[in-house]
Amino acid sequence: MTQSKVPAYLIKLRGKGKSPLKVNTKDILTGFIGGTITIFILSLLAISTSSPWLIASFGASCVLAFSLWNSPLSQPRNIIGGHFISTLVGIMVYHVFGNEPWSLALGVGLAISLMMLTKTTHPPAGADPIIVIIGSHTWEYLFTPVLSGSIVIVLVALLINNLRSDRNYPVFWV
C-alpha cells in the first residue's frame, strides 16, 4: 500500500521519533532509595499494626513520586486525592453493584472521570477500583491502607526528593 492509501488512523500508530527519557545515575539512585524506603515503611506498618498498609498500586505511585517527581500526576494532591477518589468510587460501585465484569469497568471509568474532573489524576490509582471490587473491601479500606498509605508515600517523597539540590518537591499543592 502506498502512503496515500493507508488510512490516517493507521499512520498515527507508527509514532514519531525516539524516547525522550534519559538515563541519569542520580535519578536511578533516588528512585531506588525512595521506592525501597517507602515500601519498607509501609510493610513494617502492616506487620506492626496487623492492618493492611500496602496495595499493588502503591508501587506504581512510587515510580511516579521518585522518577517523575515534577509531573503534575506525581504531586501530593494527585497521589493522595487520586487514590482516595478512585477507592471511594470502587467501594461505592462494589456495594451497589457487586463484583461483576461490568462493575469493574464502571468503577475504573468513573474513577478516571472523577480524577480528571477534580484535577487529581494519578494513573496508579486507576487500579484501585479493581483492587477494591475484586477484594470485596469495606469502607475501612478507604482509610487504611489507601489514605494513610498514600500520605506515607507523599511524606517520604517530600523527604527524599528534597534531599537533592536540583529537585523541589512538590511543584504544587493545590
N, C-alpha and C. Protein backbone atom coordinates (compact mmCIF):
# COMPACT_ATOMS: atom_id res chain seq x y z
N MET A 1 0.83 -1.19 0.00
CA MET A 1 0.00 0.00 0.00
C MET A 1 0.87 1.24 0.00
N THR A 2 0.50 2.18 -0.79
CA THR A 2 1.22 3.44 -0.78
C THR A 2 0.74 4.29 0.39
N GLN A 3 1.56 5.26 0.74
CA GLN A 3 1.23 6.14 1.88
C GLN A 3 -0.15 6.78 1.71
N SER A 4 -0.49 7.16 0.49
CA SER A 4 -1.76 7.85 0.28
C SER A 4 -2.96 6.92 0.47
N LYS A 5 -2.76 5.61 0.36
CA LYS A 5 -3.85 4.67 0.53
C LYS A 5 -3.96 4.12 1.96
N VAL A 6 -2.99 4.42 2.80
CA VAL A 6 -3.02 3.98 4.18
C VAL A 6 -3.89 4.97 4.97
N PRO A 7 -4.90 4.45 5.66
CA PRO A 7 -5.75 5.37 6.43
C PRO A 7 -4.93 6.17 7.44
N ALA A 8 -5.34 7.43 7.64
CA ALA A 8 -4.63 8.34 8.55
C ALA A 8 -4.52 7.76 9.95
N TYR A 9 -5.54 7.05 10.36
CA TYR A 9 -5.53 6.44 11.70
C TYR A 9 -4.35 5.48 11.84
N LEU A 10 -4.11 4.65 10.84
CA LEU A 10 -3.01 3.68 10.90
C LEU A 10 -1.66 4.37 10.84
N ILE A 11 -1.58 5.47 10.14
CA ILE A 11 -0.31 6.21 10.06
C ILE A 11 0.07 6.74 11.45
N LYS A 12 -0.91 7.15 12.23
CA LYS A 12 -0.65 7.64 13.59
C LYS A 12 -0.01 6.57 14.47
N LEU A 13 -0.28 5.31 14.20
CA LEU A 13 0.21 4.23 15.04
C LEU A 13 1.71 4.02 14.95
N ARG A 14 2.35 4.60 13.95
CA ARG A 14 3.80 4.47 13.80
C ARG A 14 4.57 5.25 14.86
N GLY A 15 3.96 6.31 15.38
CA GLY A 15 4.67 7.17 16.34
C GLY A 15 5.68 8.04 15.63
N LYS A 16 6.34 8.87 16.41
CA LYS A 16 7.34 9.78 15.85
C LYS A 16 8.55 9.79 16.76
N GLY A 17 9.71 9.77 16.19
CA GLY A 17 10.94 9.94 16.95
C GLY A 17 11.26 8.80 17.90
N LYS A 18 12.12 9.14 18.86
CA LYS A 18 12.60 8.17 19.85
C LYS A 18 12.20 8.61 21.24
N SER A 19 12.35 7.73 22.19
CA SER A 19 12.00 8.02 23.58
C SER A 19 12.81 9.22 24.09
N PRO A 20 12.13 10.19 24.73
CA PRO A 20 12.84 11.34 25.29
C PRO A 20 13.45 11.04 26.67
N LEU A 21 13.19 9.85 27.20
CA LEU A 21 13.68 9.52 28.54
C LEU A 21 15.20 9.39 28.53
N LYS A 22 15.81 9.91 29.57
CA LYS A 22 17.26 9.88 29.72
C LYS A 22 17.65 8.97 30.87
N VAL A 23 18.84 8.41 30.79
CA VAL A 23 19.38 7.62 31.89
C VAL A 23 20.28 8.54 32.71
N ASN A 24 19.93 8.69 34.00
CA ASN A 24 20.67 9.57 34.88
C ASN A 24 20.92 8.80 36.18
N THR A 25 22.16 8.62 36.52
CA THR A 25 22.53 7.81 37.69
C THR A 25 21.92 8.35 38.98
N LYS A 26 21.92 9.67 39.17
CA LYS A 26 21.34 10.25 40.38
C LYS A 26 19.83 9.97 40.45
N ASP A 27 19.15 10.06 39.30
CA ASP A 27 17.71 9.78 39.27
C ASP A 27 17.43 8.31 39.56
N ILE A 28 18.25 7.44 39.02
CA ILE A 28 18.09 6.00 39.27
C ILE A 28 18.27 5.71 40.75
N LEU A 29 19.29 6.29 41.34
CA LEU A 29 19.56 6.08 42.77
C LEU A 29 18.43 6.65 43.63
N THR A 30 17.93 7.83 43.27
CA THR A 30 16.81 8.43 44.01
C THR A 30 15.57 7.54 43.92
N GLY A 31 15.29 7.03 42.74
CA GLY A 31 14.14 6.14 42.57
C GLY A 31 14.29 4.86 43.38
N PHE A 32 15.49 4.31 43.38
CA PHE A 32 15.76 3.09 44.15
C PHE A 32 15.57 3.34 45.64
N ILE A 33 16.21 4.39 46.13
CA ILE A 33 16.13 4.70 47.57
C ILE A 33 14.70 5.05 47.98
N GLY A 34 14.05 5.92 47.22
CA GLY A 34 12.70 6.34 47.55
C GLY A 34 11.70 5.20 47.54
N GLY A 35 11.73 4.41 46.49
CA GLY A 35 10.80 3.27 46.40
C GLY A 35 11.06 2.24 47.48
N THR A 36 12.32 1.94 47.72
CA THR A 36 12.69 0.96 48.74
C THR A 36 12.25 1.40 50.13
N ILE A 37 12.58 2.62 50.49
CA ILE A 37 12.23 3.12 51.82
C ILE A 37 10.71 3.18 52.00
N THR A 38 10.01 3.68 51.00
CA THR A 38 8.55 3.82 51.11
C THR A 38 7.87 2.47 51.32
N ILE A 39 8.19 1.51 50.49
CA ILE A 39 7.54 0.20 50.59
C ILE A 39 7.98 -0.51 51.87
N PHE A 40 9.23 -0.30 52.30
CA PHE A 40 9.70 -0.89 53.55
C PHE A 40 8.90 -0.33 54.73
N ILE A 41 8.72 0.98 54.76
CA ILE A 41 7.94 1.61 55.84
C ILE A 41 6.51 1.07 55.84
N LEU A 42 5.87 1.02 54.68
CA LEU A 42 4.50 0.52 54.61
C LEU A 42 4.43 -0.96 55.03
N SER A 43 5.44 -1.73 54.67
CA SER A 43 5.48 -3.15 55.09
C SER A 43 5.64 -3.27 56.60
N LEU A 44 6.52 -2.47 57.18
CA LEU A 44 6.70 -2.50 58.63
C LEU A 44 5.43 -2.08 59.36
N LEU A 45 4.75 -1.07 58.84
CA LEU A 45 3.49 -0.63 59.44
C LEU A 45 2.44 -1.74 59.37
N ALA A 46 2.42 -2.46 58.26
CA ALA A 46 1.46 -3.57 58.12
C ALA A 46 1.74 -4.67 59.13
N ILE A 47 3.01 -4.98 59.34
CA ILE A 47 3.39 -6.03 60.29
C ILE A 47 3.11 -5.59 61.72
N SER A 48 3.49 -4.36 62.04
CA SER A 48 3.39 -3.91 63.44
C SER A 48 1.96 -3.58 63.87
N THR A 49 1.09 -3.25 62.92
CA THR A 49 -0.28 -2.90 63.28
C THR A 49 -1.30 -3.97 62.92
N SER A 50 -0.87 -5.00 62.25
CA SER A 50 -1.77 -6.05 61.74
C SER A 50 -2.89 -5.48 60.90
N SER A 51 -2.61 -4.37 60.23
CA SER A 51 -3.55 -3.75 59.31
C SER A 51 -2.92 -3.72 57.92
N PRO A 52 -3.76 -3.73 56.89
CA PRO A 52 -3.18 -3.64 55.55
C PRO A 52 -2.69 -2.22 55.28
N TRP A 53 -1.46 -2.07 54.92
CA TRP A 53 -0.90 -0.76 54.59
C TRP A 53 -0.41 -0.72 53.14
N LEU A 54 -0.44 -1.85 52.48
CA LEU A 54 0.10 -1.95 51.12
C LEU A 54 -0.97 -2.37 50.13
N ILE A 55 -0.96 -1.72 48.99
CA ILE A 55 -1.73 -2.19 47.84
C ILE A 55 -0.80 -2.11 46.64
N ALA A 56 -1.07 -2.93 45.65
CA ALA A 56 -0.18 -3.02 44.50
C ALA A 56 0.04 -1.68 43.81
N SER A 57 -1.00 -0.86 43.74
CA SER A 57 -0.86 0.41 43.04
C SER A 57 0.11 1.37 43.73
N PHE A 58 0.44 1.13 45.00
CA PHE A 58 1.41 1.99 45.68
C PHE A 58 2.81 1.84 45.08
N GLY A 59 3.14 0.67 44.57
CA GLY A 59 4.43 0.51 43.89
C GLY A 59 4.52 1.41 42.68
N ALA A 60 3.43 1.48 41.92
CA ALA A 60 3.40 2.36 40.75
C ALA A 60 3.42 3.83 41.16
N SER A 61 2.79 4.15 42.28
CA SER A 61 2.84 5.53 42.78
C SER A 61 4.27 5.93 43.11
N CYS A 62 5.04 4.99 43.64
CA CYS A 62 6.45 5.27 43.95
C CYS A 62 7.24 5.57 42.68
N VAL A 63 6.92 4.88 41.60
CA VAL A 63 7.61 5.15 40.32
C VAL A 63 7.40 6.62 39.96
N LEU A 64 6.17 7.08 40.04
CA LEU A 64 5.90 8.48 39.70
C LEU A 64 6.51 9.44 40.71
N ALA A 65 6.35 9.16 41.99
CA ALA A 65 6.82 10.08 43.03
C ALA A 65 8.33 10.28 43.01
N PHE A 66 9.08 9.25 42.60
CA PHE A 66 10.54 9.35 42.68
C PHE A 66 11.23 9.45 41.32
N SER A 67 10.58 9.04 40.25
CA SER A 67 11.25 9.15 38.95
C SER A 67 10.65 10.27 38.10
N LEU A 68 9.39 10.55 38.26
CA LEU A 68 8.75 11.65 37.53
C LEU A 68 8.17 12.64 38.54
N TRP A 69 8.96 12.97 39.53
CA TRP A 69 8.57 13.79 40.68
C TRP A 69 7.99 15.14 40.29
N ASN A 70 8.38 15.69 39.14
CA ASN A 70 7.90 17.01 38.75
C ASN A 70 6.70 16.97 37.82
N SER A 71 6.19 15.80 37.53
CA SER A 71 5.00 15.66 36.70
C SER A 71 3.76 16.09 37.49
N PRO A 72 2.79 16.71 36.82
CA PRO A 72 1.54 17.04 37.51
C PRO A 72 0.87 15.80 38.12
N LEU A 73 1.08 14.65 37.53
CA LEU A 73 0.46 13.42 38.01
C LEU A 73 1.13 12.86 39.27
N SER A 74 2.27 13.43 39.65
CA SER A 74 3.05 12.95 40.79
C SER A 74 2.97 13.84 42.02
N GLN A 75 2.18 14.86 41.97
CA GLN A 75 2.12 15.82 43.06
C GLN A 75 1.26 15.28 44.21
N PRO A 76 1.47 15.80 45.42
CA PRO A 76 0.74 15.28 46.58
C PRO A 76 -0.78 15.23 46.40
N ARG A 77 -1.37 16.28 45.85
CA ARG A 77 -2.83 16.28 45.65
C ARG A 77 -3.25 15.14 44.74
N ASN A 78 -2.41 14.79 43.77
CA ASN A 78 -2.73 13.73 42.83
C ASN A 78 -2.53 12.35 43.44
N ILE A 79 -1.46 12.17 44.19
CA ILE A 79 -1.21 10.88 44.83
C ILE A 79 -2.30 10.60 45.86
N ILE A 80 -2.51 11.53 46.77
CA ILE A 80 -3.48 11.32 47.84
C ILE A 80 -4.91 11.38 47.29
N GLY A 81 -5.22 12.45 46.57
CA GLY A 81 -6.57 12.62 46.04
C GLY A 81 -6.96 11.57 45.03
N GLY A 82 -6.04 11.22 44.16
CA GLY A 82 -6.33 10.19 43.15
C GLY A 82 -6.64 8.85 43.76
N HIS A 83 -5.82 8.43 44.73
CA HIS A 83 -6.08 7.15 45.40
C HIS A 83 -7.38 7.21 46.20
N PHE A 84 -7.62 8.32 46.88
CA PHE A 84 -8.82 8.42 47.71
C PHE A 84 -10.09 8.37 46.84
N ILE A 85 -10.13 9.18 45.80
CA ILE A 85 -11.30 9.23 44.93
C ILE A 85 -11.54 7.90 44.24
N SER A 86 -10.49 7.30 43.71
CA SER A 86 -10.65 6.04 42.99
C SER A 86 -11.11 4.91 43.91
N THR A 87 -10.58 4.89 45.12
CA THR A 87 -11.00 3.87 46.07
C THR A 87 -12.43 4.11 46.52
N LEU A 88 -12.77 5.35 46.76
CA LEU A 88 -14.15 5.69 47.14
C LEU A 88 -15.12 5.23 46.05
N VAL A 89 -14.79 5.51 44.82
CA VAL A 89 -15.63 5.08 43.69
C VAL A 89 -15.73 3.55 43.68
N GLY A 90 -14.60 2.88 43.83
CA GLY A 90 -14.61 1.42 43.82
C GLY A 90 -15.48 0.83 44.92
N ILE A 91 -15.37 1.38 46.11
CA ILE A 91 -16.18 0.88 47.24
C ILE A 91 -17.66 1.13 46.98
N MET A 92 -17.99 2.32 46.49
CA MET A 92 -19.40 2.62 46.21
C MET A 92 -19.95 1.69 45.12
N VAL A 93 -19.21 1.52 44.06
CA VAL A 93 -19.65 0.64 42.97
C VAL A 93 -19.81 -0.79 43.48
N TYR A 94 -18.85 -1.25 44.27
CA TYR A 94 -18.93 -2.61 44.80
C TYR A 94 -20.17 -2.80 45.69
N HIS A 95 -20.40 -1.85 46.57
CA HIS A 95 -21.53 -2.00 47.50
C HIS A 95 -22.89 -1.84 46.83
N VAL A 96 -22.94 -1.16 45.71
CA VAL A 96 -24.20 -1.02 44.98
C VAL A 96 -24.40 -2.14 43.96
N PHE A 97 -23.34 -2.49 43.23
CA PHE A 97 -23.49 -3.42 42.10
C PHE A 97 -22.77 -4.75 42.27
N GLY A 98 -21.91 -4.89 43.27
CA GLY A 98 -21.20 -6.15 43.48
C GLY A 98 -20.00 -6.29 42.55
N ASN A 99 -19.47 -7.50 42.53
CA ASN A 99 -18.29 -7.83 41.74
C ASN A 99 -18.73 -8.47 40.44
N GLU A 100 -18.85 -7.67 39.43
CA GLU A 100 -19.24 -8.12 38.09
C GLU A 100 -18.27 -7.52 37.08
N PRO A 101 -18.09 -8.17 35.94
CA PRO A 101 -17.19 -7.58 34.93
C PRO A 101 -17.57 -6.14 34.57
N TRP A 102 -18.85 -5.88 34.43
CA TRP A 102 -19.28 -4.53 34.06
C TRP A 102 -19.10 -3.54 35.22
N SER A 103 -19.20 -4.00 36.48
CA SER A 103 -19.00 -3.08 37.60
C SER A 103 -17.51 -2.74 37.75
N LEU A 104 -16.63 -3.67 37.43
CA LEU A 104 -15.19 -3.35 37.41
C LEU A 104 -14.92 -2.27 36.38
N ALA A 105 -15.49 -2.44 35.19
CA ALA A 105 -15.31 -1.47 34.11
C ALA A 105 -15.89 -0.11 34.50
N LEU A 106 -17.09 -0.12 35.07
CA LEU A 106 -17.74 1.11 35.51
C LEU A 106 -16.90 1.81 36.58
N GLY A 107 -16.37 1.05 37.53
CA GLY A 107 -15.55 1.64 38.59
C GLY A 107 -14.33 2.34 38.04
N VAL A 108 -13.63 1.70 37.13
CA VAL A 108 -12.44 2.32 36.55
C VAL A 108 -12.82 3.54 35.72
N GLY A 109 -13.85 3.43 34.91
CA GLY A 109 -14.28 4.56 34.09
C GLY A 109 -14.69 5.76 34.93
N LEU A 110 -15.48 5.51 35.97
CA LEU A 110 -15.89 6.60 36.87
C LEU A 110 -14.69 7.20 37.60
N ALA A 111 -13.77 6.35 38.05
CA ALA A 111 -12.58 6.86 38.75
C ALA A 111 -11.76 7.76 37.84
N ILE A 112 -11.56 7.35 36.61
CA ILE A 112 -10.81 8.19 35.67
C ILE A 112 -11.51 9.53 35.49
N SER A 113 -12.80 9.49 35.26
CA SER A 113 -13.57 10.72 35.04
C SER A 113 -13.51 11.64 36.25
N LEU A 114 -13.71 11.10 37.44
CA LEU A 114 -13.70 11.95 38.64
C LEU A 114 -12.31 12.48 38.97
N MET A 115 -11.26 11.68 38.71
CA MET A 115 -9.91 12.21 38.92
C MET A 115 -9.66 13.37 37.97
N MET A 116 -10.08 13.23 36.72
CA MET A 116 -9.89 14.32 35.76
C MET A 116 -10.70 15.55 36.16
N LEU A 117 -11.92 15.33 36.58
CA LEU A 117 -12.80 16.43 36.98
C LEU A 117 -12.24 17.21 38.17
N THR A 118 -11.61 16.49 39.10
CA THR A 118 -11.08 17.13 40.31
C THR A 118 -9.60 17.50 40.20
N LYS A 119 -9.02 17.31 39.04
CA LYS A 119 -7.60 17.58 38.80
C LYS A 119 -6.70 16.81 39.76
N THR A 120 -7.08 15.56 40.02
CA THR A 120 -6.27 14.69 40.89
C THR A 120 -5.86 13.41 40.14
N THR A 121 -5.70 13.51 38.83
CA THR A 121 -5.36 12.33 38.03
C THR A 121 -4.03 11.74 38.50
N HIS A 122 -4.07 10.47 38.81
CA HIS A 122 -2.88 9.72 39.23
C HIS A 122 -3.04 8.32 38.65
N PRO A 123 -2.34 8.01 37.56
CA PRO A 123 -2.55 6.74 36.86
C PRO A 123 -2.56 5.47 37.72
N PRO A 124 -1.66 5.33 38.71
CA PRO A 124 -1.73 4.11 39.52
C PRO A 124 -3.07 3.94 40.24
N ALA A 125 -3.72 5.05 40.57
CA ALA A 125 -5.00 4.99 41.27
C ALA A 125 -6.10 4.41 40.40
N GLY A 126 -5.90 4.37 39.10
CA GLY A 126 -6.88 3.75 38.21
C GLY A 126 -7.08 2.28 38.51
N ALA A 127 -6.11 1.66 39.18
CA ALA A 127 -6.22 0.25 39.56
C ALA A 127 -7.02 0.05 40.84
N ASP A 128 -7.20 1.09 41.61
CA ASP A 128 -7.84 0.95 42.92
C ASP A 128 -9.27 0.40 42.88
N PRO A 129 -10.13 0.83 41.94
CA PRO A 129 -11.46 0.22 41.91
C PRO A 129 -11.40 -1.30 41.65
N ILE A 130 -10.47 -1.73 40.83
CA ILE A 130 -10.33 -3.17 40.57
C ILE A 130 -9.90 -3.89 41.84
N ILE A 131 -8.92 -3.33 42.54
CA ILE A 131 -8.43 -3.92 43.79
C ILE A 131 -9.57 -4.02 44.80
N VAL A 132 -10.33 -2.94 44.94
CA VAL A 132 -11.41 -2.87 45.92
C VAL A 132 -12.55 -3.82 45.59
N ILE A 133 -12.96 -3.82 44.34
CA ILE A 133 -14.10 -4.65 43.94
C ILE A 133 -13.75 -6.12 43.99
N ILE A 134 -12.62 -6.51 43.43
CA ILE A 134 -12.22 -7.92 43.45
C ILE A 134 -11.97 -8.39 44.88
N GLY A 135 -11.42 -7.51 45.72
CA GLY A 135 -11.12 -7.87 47.10
C GLY A 135 -12.30 -7.76 48.05
N SER A 136 -13.45 -7.30 47.55
CA SER A 136 -14.66 -7.14 48.37
C SER A 136 -14.37 -6.31 49.63
N HIS A 137 -13.68 -5.21 49.46
CA HIS A 137 -13.25 -4.40 50.61
C HIS A 137 -14.37 -3.54 51.18
N THR A 138 -14.22 -3.23 52.46
CA THR A 138 -15.20 -2.42 53.19
C THR A 138 -14.76 -0.95 53.18
N TRP A 139 -15.59 -0.11 53.79
CA TRP A 139 -15.32 1.32 53.86
C TRP A 139 -14.03 1.62 54.61
N GLU A 140 -13.66 0.78 55.55
CA GLU A 140 -12.43 0.99 56.32
C GLU A 140 -11.20 1.03 55.43
N TYR A 141 -11.24 0.27 54.34
CA TYR A 141 -10.13 0.19 53.39
C TYR A 141 -9.77 1.55 52.81
N LEU A 142 -10.75 2.44 52.75
CA LEU A 142 -10.53 3.78 52.23
C LEU A 142 -9.51 4.55 53.07
N PHE A 143 -9.48 4.26 54.37
CA PHE A 143 -8.59 4.98 55.28
C PHE A 143 -7.29 4.21 55.54
N THR A 144 -7.40 2.90 55.72
CA THR A 144 -6.21 2.04 55.85
C THR A 144 -6.45 0.84 54.97
N PRO A 145 -5.71 0.76 53.91
CA PRO A 145 -4.41 1.35 53.61
C PRO A 145 -4.42 2.60 52.74
N VAL A 146 -5.51 2.93 52.08
CA VAL A 146 -5.44 3.90 50.99
C VAL A 146 -5.04 5.31 51.42
N LEU A 147 -5.81 5.94 52.26
CA LEU A 147 -5.49 7.31 52.65
C LEU A 147 -4.18 7.37 53.44
N SER A 148 -4.05 6.54 54.45
CA SER A 148 -2.84 6.56 55.27
C SER A 148 -1.61 6.16 54.45
N GLY A 149 -1.73 5.17 53.61
CA GLY A 149 -0.60 4.73 52.79
C GLY A 149 -0.18 5.78 51.78
N SER A 150 -1.14 6.43 51.16
CA SER A 150 -0.78 7.47 50.18
C SER A 150 -0.14 8.68 50.87
N ILE A 151 -0.54 8.96 52.10
CA ILE A 151 0.12 10.03 52.86
C ILE A 151 1.57 9.65 53.17
N VAL A 152 1.82 8.41 53.52
CA VAL A 152 3.20 7.95 53.75
C VAL A 152 4.03 8.12 52.48
N ILE A 153 3.46 7.76 51.34
CA ILE A 153 4.20 7.92 50.07
C ILE A 153 4.59 9.38 49.88
N VAL A 154 3.66 10.28 50.10
CA VAL A 154 3.94 11.72 49.92
C VAL A 154 4.98 12.20 50.93
N LEU A 155 4.89 11.78 52.18
CA LEU A 155 5.86 12.21 53.19
C LEU A 155 7.28 11.75 52.83
N VAL A 156 7.41 10.50 52.39
CA VAL A 156 8.74 10.01 52.01
C VAL A 156 9.22 10.73 50.75
N ALA A 157 8.31 10.99 49.81
CA ALA A 157 8.68 11.72 48.59
C ALA A 157 9.15 13.14 48.93
N LEU A 158 8.49 13.78 49.89
CA LEU A 158 8.93 15.11 50.33
C LEU A 158 10.36 15.05 50.88
N LEU A 159 10.63 14.06 51.70
CA LEU A 159 11.95 13.92 52.31
C LEU A 159 13.02 13.58 51.27
N ILE A 160 12.81 12.51 50.52
CA ILE A 160 13.84 12.01 49.60
C ILE A 160 14.08 12.97 48.44
N ASN A 161 13.01 13.44 47.80
CA ASN A 161 13.19 14.32 46.64
C ASN A 161 13.88 15.63 47.00
N ASN A 162 13.59 16.15 48.18
CA ASN A 162 14.16 17.44 48.56
C ASN A 162 15.56 17.32 49.17
N LEU A 163 16.06 16.11 49.34
CA LEU A 163 17.47 15.94 49.73
C LEU A 163 18.39 16.35 48.59
N ARG A 164 17.88 16.29 47.39
CA ARG A 164 18.67 16.69 46.22
C ARG A 164 18.51 18.18 45.97
N SER A 165 19.62 18.84 45.71
CA SER A 165 19.59 20.30 45.49
C SER A 165 18.92 20.67 44.17
N ASP A 166 18.83 19.71 43.24
CA ASP A 166 18.24 20.01 41.93
C ASP A 166 16.76 19.64 41.85
N ARG A 167 16.15 19.31 42.98
CA ARG A 167 14.73 18.99 43.00
C ARG A 167 14.00 19.85 44.01
N ASN A 168 12.81 20.28 43.65
CA ASN A 168 11.90 20.98 44.56
C ASN A 168 10.57 20.26 44.48
N TYR A 169 10.27 19.48 45.50
CA TYR A 169 9.02 18.71 45.53
C TYR A 169 8.22 19.15 46.74
N PRO A 170 6.98 19.47 46.57
CA PRO A 170 6.18 19.34 45.35
C PRO A 170 6.32 20.57 44.44
N VAL A 171 5.88 20.38 43.23
CA VAL A 171 5.81 21.50 42.30
C VAL A 171 4.61 22.36 42.66
N PHE A 172 3.53 21.73 43.12
CA PHE A 172 2.35 22.44 43.61
C PHE A 172 1.62 21.56 44.62
N TRP A 173 0.82 22.22 45.47
CA TRP A 173 -0.02 21.53 46.43
C TRP A 173 -1.48 21.53 45.99
N VAL A 174 -1.94 22.65 45.50
CA VAL A 174 -3.38 22.80 45.19
C VAL A 174 -3.60 22.89 43.70
